[in-house]
Protein backbone atom coordinates (compact mmCIF):
# COMPACT_ATOMS: atom_id res chain seq x y z
CA MET A 1 -6.62 51.67 -125.36
CA GLU A 2 -6.52 47.91 -126.15
CA GLY A 3 -2.72 47.92 -125.71
CA PHE A 4 -3.10 49.76 -122.41
CA CYS A 5 -5.58 47.14 -121.17
CA ILE A 6 -3.22 44.34 -122.17
CA MET A 7 -0.39 46.08 -120.31
CA LYS A 8 -2.60 46.37 -117.21
CA LYS A 9 -3.33 42.63 -117.36
CA VAL A 10 0.36 41.82 -117.74
CA LEU A 11 1.23 44.03 -114.75
CA ALA A 12 -1.56 42.50 -112.69
CA LEU A 13 -0.28 39.01 -113.51
CA PHE A 14 3.27 40.09 -112.61
CA PHE A 15 2.25 41.39 -109.19
CA LEU A 16 0.13 38.31 -108.59
CA LEU A 17 3.14 36.11 -109.27
CA VAL A 18 5.30 38.22 -106.97
CA ALA A 19 2.68 37.95 -104.21
CA PHE A 20 2.53 34.19 -104.74
CA ASN A 21 6.32 33.96 -104.48
CA VAL A 22 6.44 35.57 -101.05
CA ASN A 23 3.46 33.59 -99.84
CA ALA A 24 3.94 30.38 -97.88
CA GLN A 25 2.21 28.44 -100.66
CA ASN A 26 5.30 28.38 -102.88
CA THR A 27 6.49 24.88 -103.77
CA GLY A 28 9.53 25.59 -105.90
CA THR A 29 13.01 24.27 -105.24
CA TYR A 30 15.36 27.16 -104.60
CA LYS A 31 18.97 26.81 -105.69
CA LYS A 32 20.40 28.03 -102.41
CA VAL A 33 18.30 26.26 -99.81
CA PRO A 34 19.08 22.52 -99.42
CA GLY A 35 16.15 20.27 -100.24
CA VAL A 36 12.71 20.86 -101.72
CA ALA A 37 11.17 24.14 -100.56
CA VAL A 38 7.58 23.34 -99.68
CA ALA A 39 6.95 26.84 -98.33
CA HIS A 40 8.79 30.16 -98.31
CA SER A 41 8.02 33.37 -96.43
CA PRO A 42 10.72 36.09 -96.59
CA LYS A 43 11.57 37.99 -93.42
CA SER A 44 9.95 41.15 -94.87
CA THR A 45 6.53 39.52 -94.39
CA GLY A 46 7.04 39.36 -90.62
CA LYS A 47 5.48 35.88 -90.78
CA TYR A 48 7.76 32.97 -89.96
CA LEU A 49 7.16 29.24 -90.49
CA GLY A 50 7.01 26.72 -87.66
CA THR A 51 5.95 23.29 -86.36
CA PRO A 52 6.50 21.18 -89.50
CA SER A 53 4.85 17.76 -89.42
CA ILE A 54 4.83 14.90 -91.93
CA VAL A 55 3.04 11.55 -92.25
CA ILE A 56 2.63 8.85 -94.87
CA LEU A 57 -1.04 8.31 -95.72
CA SER A 58 -2.66 4.93 -96.28
CA ASN A 59 -2.66 5.61 -100.06
CA GLY A 60 1.10 6.25 -100.06
CA ASP A 61 0.90 10.04 -100.42
CA TYR A 62 2.80 12.30 -98.03
CA LEU A 63 0.85 14.83 -96.00
CA MET A 64 2.52 17.72 -94.18
CA SER A 65 1.49 20.72 -92.11
CA PHE A 66 3.08 23.79 -90.57
CA ASP A 67 2.03 26.95 -88.77
CA PHE A 68 2.97 30.63 -88.76
CA PHE A 69 4.38 32.88 -86.04
CA GLY A 70 5.88 36.36 -85.88
CA PRO A 71 4.97 40.04 -85.42
CA LYS A 72 2.73 40.26 -88.50
CA CYS A 73 0.62 37.22 -87.60
CA THR A 74 -2.81 38.30 -86.37
CA SER A 75 -4.11 34.77 -85.75
CA ASP A 76 -2.86 31.19 -85.52
CA ILE A 77 -3.22 29.22 -88.75
CA VAL A 78 -1.93 25.93 -90.17
CA HIS A 79 -1.33 25.15 -93.84
CA VAL A 80 -1.66 21.59 -95.13
CA TYR A 81 0.08 20.19 -98.24
CA LYS A 82 0.32 16.80 -99.92
CA SER A 83 2.80 15.13 -102.24
CA SER A 84 1.88 12.27 -104.59
CA ASP A 85 5.40 11.83 -106.01
CA LYS A 86 7.47 10.99 -102.91
CA GLY A 87 8.20 14.60 -101.99
CA ILE A 88 9.38 15.92 -105.35
CA THR A 89 6.46 18.36 -105.64
CA TRP A 90 3.86 19.58 -103.15
CA GLN A 91 0.26 20.72 -103.55
CA PHE A 92 -1.45 23.14 -101.16
CA LEU A 93 -4.67 21.62 -99.77
CA THR A 94 -6.17 23.88 -97.13
CA GLU A 95 -5.75 26.45 -94.38
CA LEU A 96 -6.90 25.64 -90.84
CA GLU A 97 -7.74 28.63 -88.68
CA ASP A 98 -7.15 29.00 -84.94
CA THR A 99 -4.73 26.04 -84.81
CA PHE A 100 -1.18 25.97 -83.45
CA TRP A 101 1.69 23.74 -82.23
CA ALA A 102 0.08 20.71 -83.89
CA GLY A 103 1.32 17.38 -85.22
CA LEU A 104 -0.17 14.90 -87.69
CA PHE A 105 -0.73 11.17 -87.21
CA VAL A 106 -2.58 8.48 -89.16
CA VAL A 107 -5.02 5.86 -87.89
CA LYS A 108 -6.12 3.51 -90.69
CA ASN A 109 -7.57 5.77 -93.42
CA ASP A 110 -8.04 8.81 -91.20
CA VAL A 111 -5.52 11.51 -90.35
CA TYR A 112 -5.52 13.57 -87.16
CA LEU A 113 -3.96 16.87 -86.14
CA LEU A 114 -3.31 17.19 -82.40
CA GLY A 115 -2.19 20.50 -80.92
CA VAL A 116 -3.85 23.55 -79.37
CA ARG A 117 -6.67 25.85 -80.34
CA GLY A 118 -4.82 29.05 -81.02
CA SER A 119 -7.21 31.48 -79.34
CA ASP A 120 -7.05 29.89 -75.88
CA ARG A 121 -4.32 27.20 -76.06
CA ASN A 122 -6.79 24.47 -75.07
CA LEU A 123 -5.61 20.97 -76.01
CA SER A 124 -7.36 20.15 -79.28
CA ILE A 125 -7.68 17.52 -82.00
CA ARG A 126 -9.08 17.65 -85.56
CA LYS A 127 -9.75 14.83 -88.05
CA SER A 128 -9.72 14.42 -91.83
CA SER A 129 -11.30 11.46 -93.61
CA ASP A 130 -10.40 12.60 -97.14
CA TYR A 131 -6.59 12.61 -96.97
CA GLY A 132 -6.26 16.12 -95.58
CA LYS A 133 -8.60 18.09 -97.82
CA THR A 134 -11.27 18.88 -95.22
CA TRP A 135 -11.16 18.78 -91.41
CA THR A 136 -13.57 18.60 -88.51
CA PRO A 137 -13.86 21.59 -86.18
CA HIS A 138 -11.80 21.61 -82.99
CA SER A 139 -12.60 18.92 -80.46
CA ILE A 140 -11.34 20.22 -77.14
CA LEU A 141 -9.72 17.39 -75.22
CA LYS A 142 -8.66 19.38 -72.17
CA GLU A 143 -9.04 22.98 -71.05
CA GLY A 144 -6.01 24.97 -69.97
CA ARG A 145 -2.99 26.54 -71.61
CA PHE A 146 -0.95 23.79 -73.27
CA HIS A 147 2.34 23.81 -75.16
CA GLY A 148 3.96 21.27 -77.44
CA SER A 149 5.04 20.42 -80.96
CA SER A 150 4.99 17.75 -83.66
CA THR A 151 6.62 15.15 -81.44
CA PRO A 152 6.20 11.41 -82.13
CA VAL A 153 2.93 9.52 -81.93
CA ILE A 154 3.52 5.85 -81.15
CA PHE A 155 1.34 2.76 -81.37
CA HIS A 156 1.75 -0.03 -78.83
CA LYS A 157 -0.54 -2.91 -77.84
CA GLY A 158 -3.71 -1.30 -79.15
CA LYS A 159 -3.03 2.14 -77.74
CA ILE A 160 -1.82 5.44 -79.21
CA TYR A 161 0.61 7.58 -77.16
CA LYS A 162 1.62 11.22 -77.52
CA GLY A 163 3.71 13.56 -75.36
CA TYR A 164 2.68 17.16 -74.71
CA ASP A 165 3.17 19.97 -72.14
CA HIS A 166 0.95 21.98 -69.79
CA LEU A 167 2.38 25.48 -69.56
CA GLY A 168 -0.45 27.41 -67.92
CA PHE A 169 -0.08 31.16 -67.52
CA GLU A 170 3.69 31.55 -67.59
CA ASP A 171 5.25 33.91 -65.02
CA LYS A 172 7.71 35.88 -67.14
CA LYS A 173 9.70 36.79 -64.03
CA LYS A 174 10.64 33.16 -63.49
CA PRO A 175 13.24 31.23 -65.56
CA TRP A 176 12.01 30.22 -69.00
CA MET A 177 9.83 27.07 -68.98
CA SER A 178 10.49 26.52 -65.26
CA GLU A 179 6.75 26.00 -64.66
CA ASN A 180 6.12 23.88 -67.76
CA LYS A 181 4.73 20.43 -66.94
CA SER A 182 5.50 17.40 -69.11
CA PHE A 183 2.97 14.60 -69.57
CA VAL A 184 2.02 11.67 -71.81
CA MET A 185 -1.51 11.10 -73.13
CA TRP A 186 -3.00 7.97 -74.68
CA VAL A 187 -6.14 6.52 -76.23
CA ASP A 188 -7.38 3.12 -77.45
CA GLU A 189 -6.85 2.70 -81.20
CA ASN A 190 -10.52 1.82 -81.77
CA ALA A 191 -11.97 4.60 -79.63
CA ASP A 192 -13.47 7.84 -80.92
CA LEU A 193 -10.40 10.08 -80.76
CA LEU A 194 -12.54 13.23 -80.99
CA LYS A 195 -14.22 12.54 -77.64
CA PRO A 196 -12.34 13.95 -74.63
CA GLU A 197 -13.47 11.04 -72.44
CA SER A 198 -11.57 8.62 -74.70
CA TRP A 199 -8.21 10.03 -73.63
CA LYS A 200 -6.18 9.33 -70.50
CA TYR A 201 -3.23 11.27 -69.10
CA SER A 202 -0.16 10.61 -67.02
CA GLU A 203 0.89 12.75 -64.10
CA GLU A 204 2.21 16.17 -65.06
CA ILE A 205 5.86 16.61 -64.09
CA VAL A 206 7.93 19.79 -63.71
CA LYS A 207 11.67 19.58 -64.34
CA PRO A 208 13.45 18.89 -61.05
CA LYS A 209 15.24 21.94 -59.68
CA ASP A 210 18.48 20.00 -59.27
CA MET A 211 18.55 19.14 -63.00
CA ASP A 212 20.60 21.52 -65.16
CA GLY A 213 18.58 24.02 -67.20
CA THR A 214 15.72 26.46 -66.67
CA GLY A 215 12.95 24.06 -67.70
CA TRP A 216 11.89 21.24 -70.00
CA LEU A 217 9.46 21.12 -72.91
CA GLU A 218 8.31 19.46 -76.16
CA THR A 219 7.81 16.00 -74.69
CA ASN A 220 8.44 12.88 -76.74
CA ALA A 221 6.48 9.72 -75.89
CA VAL A 222 8.93 6.86 -76.47
CA LEU A 223 8.51 3.11 -76.03
CA GLY A 224 11.19 1.82 -73.64
CA ARG A 225 12.98 -1.49 -74.00
CA ASP A 226 11.07 -2.61 -70.89
CA GLY A 227 7.71 -2.07 -72.62
CA LEU A 228 6.84 1.04 -70.61
CA ILE A 229 6.32 4.50 -72.09
CA LYS A 230 9.02 7.07 -71.40
CA GLY A 231 8.74 10.83 -71.47
CA ILE A 232 11.83 12.31 -73.16
CA THR A 233 12.06 16.09 -73.11
CA ARG A 234 14.06 18.94 -74.51
CA VAL A 235 15.97 20.71 -71.70
CA ALA A 236 16.69 24.44 -71.84
CA ASN A 237 20.30 24.37 -70.68
CA GLU A 238 23.58 25.80 -71.98
CA SER A 239 25.46 22.67 -73.03
CA GLY A 240 22.85 20.85 -75.15
CA TYR A 241 24.21 17.47 -74.04
CA ILE A 242 21.27 16.24 -71.94
CA ALA A 243 17.58 15.43 -72.30
CA GLY A 244 14.94 14.94 -69.62
CA TYR A 245 13.69 11.43 -68.89
CA TYR A 246 10.96 9.71 -66.86
CA SER A 247 9.05 6.42 -66.98
CA VAL A 248 5.25 6.17 -66.98
CA ASN A 249 3.68 3.29 -65.09
CA LYS A 250 0.74 1.42 -66.61
CA ASP A 251 -1.69 3.26 -64.31
CA GLY A 252 -0.45 6.64 -65.56
CA SER A 253 1.60 7.51 -62.52
CA VAL A 254 5.21 8.54 -63.03
CA ASP A 255 7.97 6.50 -61.42
CA LYS A 256 9.58 9.27 -59.37
CA SER A 257 12.84 7.34 -59.06
CA SER A 258 13.14 7.30 -62.87
CA ILE A 259 13.20 11.09 -63.31
CA LYS A 260 16.65 12.18 -64.45
CA ALA A 261 18.78 13.76 -67.12
CA ILE A 262 20.15 11.39 -69.75
CA PRO A 263 23.16 12.04 -72.01
CA PHE A 264 21.94 13.29 -75.40
CA LEU A 265 23.53 14.91 -78.46
CA GLY A 266 21.36 17.97 -79.03
CA GLY A 267 18.82 18.12 -76.21
CA ALA A 268 18.49 21.92 -76.01
CA THR A 269 16.32 22.22 -79.14
CA LYS A 270 13.27 20.26 -80.30
CA PHE A 271 13.91 16.69 -81.40
CA ASN A 272 11.96 13.50 -82.18
CA VAL A 273 13.13 10.10 -80.88
CA MET A 274 11.70 6.92 -82.42
CA TRP A 275 12.38 3.20 -82.02
CA ASP A 276 13.29 1.20 -85.11
CA ALA A 277 12.61 -2.53 -84.83
CA LYS A 278 14.73 -3.33 -87.91
CA THR A 279 17.98 -1.92 -86.50
CA LYS A 280 16.94 -2.39 -82.86
CA LYS A 281 17.97 1.19 -82.14
CA TYR A 282 16.43 4.50 -81.22
CA TRP A 283 16.98 7.22 -83.80
CA ALA A 284 16.71 11.00 -83.59
CA LEU A 285 17.42 14.08 -85.67
CA THR A 286 18.90 16.81 -83.49
CA ASN A 287 20.70 20.14 -83.54
CA TYR A 288 24.14 18.77 -82.74
CA PRO A 289 26.06 21.30 -80.56
CA SER A 290 29.22 21.57 -82.63
CA GLU A 291 31.92 23.11 -80.42
CA ILE A 292 33.78 24.50 -83.44
CA LEU A 293 30.87 26.95 -83.81
CA ARG A 294 30.24 27.73 -80.14
CA LYS A 295 31.31 31.10 -78.79
CA PRO A 296 31.87 31.68 -75.04
CA LYS A 297 28.63 31.37 -73.03
CA MET A 298 26.64 30.50 -76.18
CA ARG A 299 23.58 28.48 -75.27
CA ALA A 300 22.95 25.37 -77.32
CA GLY A 301 19.31 26.41 -77.82
CA GLY A 302 20.59 29.15 -80.11
CA MET A 303 22.82 26.78 -82.10
CA ARG A 304 20.60 25.42 -84.86
CA SER A 305 22.88 25.44 -87.91
CA VAL A 306 23.94 21.77 -87.63
CA LEU A 307 21.42 18.96 -88.13
CA ALA A 308 22.57 15.47 -87.17
CA LEU A 309 21.29 11.90 -87.21
CA VAL A 310 22.03 10.12 -83.92
CA SER A 311 21.18 6.66 -82.57
CA SER A 312 21.15 4.65 -79.36
CA PRO A 313 20.50 1.05 -78.31
CA ASP A 314 18.99 2.07 -74.96
CA LEU A 315 18.18 5.83 -74.83
CA GLU A 316 21.31 6.54 -72.76
CA LYS A 317 24.31 5.74 -74.97
CA TRP A 318 24.03 7.98 -78.02
CA ARG A 319 26.34 8.12 -81.01
CA LEU A 320 26.58 10.48 -83.95
CA ASN A 321 25.79 8.67 -87.21
CA LYS A 322 25.85 11.53 -89.68
CA ILE A 323 25.93 15.29 -89.98
CA ILE A 324 23.00 15.86 -92.36
CA LEU A 325 23.15 19.63 -92.93
CA ALA A 326 25.50 22.27 -91.55
CA SER A 327 26.42 25.92 -91.89
CA ASP A 328 28.98 28.15 -90.18
CA ASN A 329 26.36 30.92 -90.06
CA VAL A 330 24.97 30.28 -86.58
CA LYS A 331 23.29 33.70 -86.42
CA TYR A 332 21.10 33.40 -89.52
CA HIS A 333 20.97 29.71 -90.51
CA GLY A 334 18.94 27.03 -88.75
CA PHE A 335 17.81 23.49 -89.61
CA GLN A 336 15.39 22.88 -86.77
CA TYR A 337 12.14 21.48 -85.38
CA VAL A 338 12.46 18.48 -87.64
CA ASP A 339 9.65 15.96 -87.98
CA TRP A 340 10.39 12.72 -89.80
CA GLN A 341 9.23 9.19 -90.61
CA PHE A 342 10.87 5.90 -91.51
CA GLU A 343 10.12 4.76 -95.08
CA GLY A 344 11.84 1.51 -95.96
CA LYS A 345 15.59 2.11 -95.84
CA ASP A 346 15.10 5.87 -95.89
CA ILE A 347 14.01 8.61 -93.51
CA ILE A 348 11.78 11.36 -94.92
CA VAL A 349 12.24 14.72 -93.25
CA MET A 350 10.25 17.94 -92.90
CA ASP A 351 12.45 20.75 -91.65
CA ARG A 352 11.85 24.31 -90.43
CA VAL A 353 14.74 26.26 -91.99
CA SER A 354 16.27 29.71 -91.68
CA PHE A 355 18.47 30.26 -94.72
CA THR A 356 19.59 32.74 -97.35
CA ASP A 357 16.95 33.48 -99.98
CA GLU A 358 16.77 35.79 -103.00
CA PHE A 359 16.04 38.71 -100.67
CA GLY A 360 18.99 38.16 -98.32
CA GLU A 361 19.27 36.43 -94.96
CA ALA A 362 16.49 35.13 -92.75
CA ASP A 363 15.46 37.32 -89.81
CA ASN A 364 17.60 35.08 -87.59
CA ALA A 365 18.27 31.39 -87.04
CA HIS A 366 15.07 30.96 -85.03
CA ASN A 367 12.67 32.91 -87.26
CA SER A 368 12.42 30.50 -90.17
CA ASN A 369 11.71 31.58 -93.74
CA TYR A 370 11.44 28.08 -95.25
CA ILE A 371 9.84 24.69 -94.74
CA ILE A 372 11.85 22.11 -96.68
CA PHE A 373 11.54 18.41 -97.43
CA HIS A 374 14.51 16.11 -97.83
CA ARG A 375 15.34 12.42 -97.68
CA ILE A 376 18.08 10.56 -95.81
CA ARG A 377 18.86 7.53 -97.93
CA ASP A 378 19.86 4.23 -96.33
CA TYR A 379 19.93 5.86 -92.90
CA ALA A 380 21.27 2.80 -91.07
CA LYS A 381 24.51 2.92 -93.10
CA SER A 382 24.77 6.68 -93.53
CA LYS A 383 28.01 8.47 -92.69
CA THR A 384 29.09 12.10 -92.57
CA ASP A 385 30.27 13.52 -95.87
CA LYS A 386 33.92 14.54 -95.93
CA GLU A 387 33.24 18.29 -96.15
CA LEU A 388 31.03 18.18 -93.04
CA LYS A 389 33.38 16.24 -90.76
CA LYS A 390 34.86 19.48 -89.43
CA TYR A 391 31.65 19.97 -87.37
CA ILE A 392 32.17 16.75 -85.39
CA ASN A 393 33.44 17.30 -81.85
CA LYS A 394 36.84 15.79 -81.09
């Protein structure tokens, strides 16, 4: 009987370890997936991993978050992890219920998570004062059905700026995202960020009908060279070579004459654009639309298997600096929805990834089974490795 009991304990431990392995709290580095796997959820779970976000805390630790989506998800939740060794290992901190499409940012010693309340899509913010361990309840900033992602949060002249979208109740009979409204929100650095009256908002702008694409989304707030805030958006078009653009006046109105499409290398999927004072350039990580992989009529929004670092001196003239990751498997592999931060000469990256795991392929390139961390070293001088040059358009 004693041996039987021991066997039962061994089996219980085995199944516990198996359950842990398919949970999104796995922090091992898999041999096949590139980078450090912070989280892994095989396609059999029906729960996919989205909206990665990463920040550097005031104590030097990294904090990251991501959410879940898919047919087996019964509610919207976010998981939060930290790393105290520069991204080599990650520790699960907490689960936040009823939270979705959210991004992290740091103000002094506090960290905030701005996104939507999952149950009603109201614009929401939460705060942690203990480096991500515990969080305040939702503070609803604005009622309505909002949409967005972990796009950049920028600090300029005592104010904090963030881009987001107002989707409302989408009419499925109309082209995708055609009713989505882009806007920029801001708050004074010293204000109480949890109070809705602290925040101000720009006009909400729908993509012009004469601009290519069905709609725009996932707004970036970007500081222009003229000192004004720009809204830079993903555009749902076939080519992937444009992004949406508008300029916000100081009173929050949008300069209607500024609204246009700008040339961009990977504008059909989510991207983050940030200004770097050291190099005096804008930098972005994008899904570069490699024509060697494109089949006839293939939309760039479905091409997520090439991740590239691009830069620009002025937001309009973009160049490819480096292919970071690439795969020929457009159907099942995706390196997408990247959030990132400058750290000295490096860029630290949190990436939503669809890739081969020990159970086979991901569900598809969109339905990610991994969240991975990786580092781009000496980004300003980085160049494409020889074996990846084949993905560069001629």
